[in-house]
Amino acid sequence: MSAHMIFDNAPIGSIVAWSDGTPQPPARFRKKLAAWQTSNSRGRLVRKQGGRGIGNVSLSTSFTLHEADYGAGGVVAIRVHRTFSLESKLHFTVIERPPGGSVRVLDRAGGELVYLATDEADAKEWLTRHGYPGAVLQQVTADEVGAAAVEGRAA
């Protein structure tokens, strides 16, 4: 599926994989494997941004995937996000959609997904520990879950 299809159809919170179509090298070739993993991985869809212009600079429509967190002792030191423009030549696949009834915690209205909770109580409990003062809770609706089934039949 193309980057356009992900932007148009995948709901925020989906797990999306991307690939350049090349086969994975053997583990013994560490440098080749690391380079391959740059173009072949997966992450959670956390943001969709329409095209915008700032002065003479024009930024294209894109989406962002949260690939990994690195840290120790429960403290995240580095958060890895990958942003893809709709012109990307990579192949994308929706691995998993957020389940119906789960709750998205966005950092602000129209912002980035910071947590996907199992229900509203879980979302509120998470917010008490992580302190996002402008956070917005957004429930995954049955319409979004139903749309996934319709898309599957159409494919």
Protein backbone atom coordinates (compact mmCIF):
# COMPACT_ATOMS: atom_id res chain seq x y z
CA MET A 1 0.00 0.00 0.00
CA SER A 2 1.27 3.49 -0.76
CA ALA A 3 1.97 6.33 1.64
CA HIS A 4 -1.20 8.01 0.28
CA MET A 5 -3.29 5.01 1.36
CA ILE A 6 -1.82 5.09 4.89
CA PHE A 7 -2.51 8.82 5.18
CA ASP A 8 -6.07 8.45 3.88
CA ASN A 9 -7.16 5.19 5.53
CA ALA A 10 -5.09 4.20 8.57
CA PRO A 11 -6.44 5.55 11.87
CA ILE A 12 -4.12 7.16 14.41
CA GLY A 13 -2.83 4.40 16.71
CA SER A 14 -2.42 1.78 13.96
CA ILE A 15 0.75 -0.31 13.74
CA VAL A 16 2.26 0.28 10.28
CA ALA A 17 5.17 -1.59 8.69
CA TRP A 18 7.29 -0.19 5.88
CA SER A 19 9.60 -1.91 3.44
CA ASP A 20 11.76 -1.17 0.43
CA GLY A 21 11.23 -4.71 -0.87
CA THR A 22 14.80 -5.95 -0.46
CA PRO A 23 15.45 -9.26 1.33
CA GLN A 24 16.81 -9.18 4.87
CA PRO A 25 20.57 -9.84 5.01
CA PRO A 26 21.92 -12.51 7.39
CA ALA A 27 22.48 -11.40 11.01
CA ARG A 28 26.24 -11.89 10.70
CA PHE A 29 26.41 -8.85 8.37
CA ARG A 30 25.71 -6.29 11.11
CA LYS A 31 26.28 -3.14 9.05
CA LYS A 32 24.18 -4.37 6.13
CA LEU A 33 21.45 -5.46 8.53
CA ALA A 34 21.43 -2.05 10.27
CA ALA A 35 21.17 -0.29 6.90
CA TRP A 36 18.37 -2.65 5.84
CA GLN A 37 16.43 -1.97 9.07
CA THR A 38 16.37 1.75 8.22
CA SER A 39 14.11 1.01 5.25
CA ASN A 40 12.31 -2.04 6.70
CA SER A 41 10.67 -1.69 10.10
CA ARG A 42 7.39 -0.87 11.84
CA GLY A 43 5.92 1.70 14.18
CA ARG A 44 2.71 3.17 15.60
CA LEU A 45 1.00 5.94 13.62
CA VAL A 46 1.08 8.96 15.92
CA ARG A 47 0.46 11.95 13.65
CA LYS A 48 -0.84 13.03 10.25
CA GLN A 49 0.05 16.48 8.96
CA GLY A 50 -1.37 18.23 5.93
CA GLY A 51 0.87 20.27 3.66
CA ARG A 52 1.75 23.74 4.85
CA GLY A 53 3.94 26.65 3.92
CA ILE A 54 6.18 28.81 6.06
CA GLY A 55 7.46 31.84 4.18
CA ASN A 56 9.15 30.57 1.02
CA VAL A 57 9.41 27.03 2.40
CA SER A 58 6.72 24.50 1.57
CA LEU A 59 6.34 21.35 3.70
CA SER A 60 4.60 18.39 2.09
CA THR A 61 1.80 16.29 3.55
CA SER A 62 3.25 13.60 5.82
CA PHE A 63 2.62 11.11 8.60
CA THR A 64 4.77 10.15 11.58
CA LEU A 65 5.37 6.71 13.08
CA HIS A 66 6.73 6.06 16.58
CA GLU A 67 9.33 3.35 16.05
CA ALA A 68 11.00 2.84 19.44
CA ASP A 69 11.88 4.18 22.89
CA TYR A 70 15.32 3.80 24.45
CA GLY A 71 16.13 4.28 28.11
CA ALA A 72 16.54 2.47 31.41
CA GLY A 73 14.75 2.15 34.73
CA GLY A 74 11.41 3.25 33.31
CA VAL A 75 12.88 6.55 32.01
CA VAL A 76 12.74 7.16 28.26
CA ALA A 77 15.92 8.90 27.13
CA ILE A 78 15.41 8.74 23.36
CA ARG A 79 12.18 8.42 21.41
CA VAL A 80 12.55 7.45 17.72
CA HIS A 81 9.97 8.84 15.31
CA ARG A 82 10.04 8.48 11.52
CA THR A 83 8.19 10.93 9.31
CA PHE A 84 7.27 9.93 5.76
CA SER A 85 6.05 12.23 3.00
CA LEU A 86 3.34 11.07 0.63
CA GLU A 87 5.98 10.94 -2.13
CA SER A 88 7.78 8.07 -0.35
CA LYS A 89 8.55 5.09 -2.61
CA LEU A 90 8.43 2.63 0.31
CA HIS A 91 5.67 0.01 0.60
CA PHE A 92 3.47 0.32 3.71
CA THR A 93 1.20 -2.23 5.40
CA VAL A 94 -1.26 -1.75 8.26
CA ILE A 95 -0.37 -4.58 10.67
CA GLU A 96 -2.89 -3.76 13.40
CA ARG A 97 -5.60 -1.15 13.92
CA PRO A 98 -6.51 0.22 17.35
CA PRO A 99 -9.25 -1.91 18.91
CA GLY A 100 -12.75 -0.52 19.29
CA GLY A 101 -13.34 1.08 22.68
CA SER A 102 -9.69 1.98 23.20
CA VAL A 103 -8.87 5.61 23.91
CA ARG A 104 -6.24 7.76 22.19
CA VAL A 105 -4.42 10.25 24.39
CA LEU A 106 -3.30 13.18 22.23
CA ASP A 107 -0.88 15.79 23.59
CA ARG A 108 -3.26 18.57 22.45
CA ALA A 109 -6.27 19.03 20.18
CA GLY A 110 -5.20 17.89 16.70
CA GLY A 111 -1.82 16.87 18.12
CA GLU A 112 0.31 13.78 18.41
CA LEU A 113 -0.68 10.45 19.96
CA VAL A 114 1.25 9.95 23.21
CA TYR A 115 -0.57 6.87 24.54
CA LEU A 116 -3.17 4.35 23.37
CA ALA A 117 -5.21 3.30 26.41
CA THR A 118 -7.44 0.24 26.70
CA ASP A 119 -10.30 2.36 28.07
CA GLU A 120 -11.06 5.82 29.48
CA ALA A 121 -10.13 4.87 33.06
CA ASP A 122 -6.71 3.65 31.86
CA ALA A 123 -6.22 6.90 29.90
CA LYS A 124 -7.06 9.09 32.91
CA GLU A 125 -4.81 7.05 35.20
CA TRP A 126 -1.94 7.33 32.68
CA LEU A 127 -2.43 11.12 32.46
CA THR A 128 -2.13 11.49 36.26
CA ARG A 129 1.36 9.93 36.05
CA HIS A 130 2.62 11.66 32.88
CA GLY A 131 1.31 15.23 33.07
CA TYR A 132 0.08 16.50 29.71
CA PRO A 133 -1.96 19.55 30.75
CA GLY A 134 -3.55 20.11 27.32
CA ALA A 135 -4.20 16.43 26.61
CA VAL A 136 -7.28 15.37 24.67
CA LEU A 137 -8.95 11.96 24.98
CA GLN A 138 -10.40 10.49 21.79
CA GLN A 139 -12.26 7.17 21.78
CA VAL A 140 -11.80 4.71 18.90
CA THR A 141 -15.28 4.38 17.47
CA ALA A 142 -17.12 1.39 16.06
CA ASP A 143 -17.20 3.24 12.70
CA GLU A 144 -13.39 3.08 12.50
CA VAL A 145 -13.37 -0.63 13.34
CA GLY A 146 -16.14 -1.23 10.78
CA ALA A 147 -14.21 0.71 8.12
CA ALA A 148 -11.33 -1.74 8.52
CA ALA A 149 -13.64 -4.64 7.69
CA VAL A 150 -15.01 -2.87 4.63
CA GLU A 151 -11.49 -2.03 3.40
CA GLY A 152 -10.49 -5.67 3.82
CA ARG A 153 -13.38 -6.85 1.65
CA ALA A 154 -12.65 -4.26 -1.02
CA ALA A 155 -9.01 -5.35 -1.27
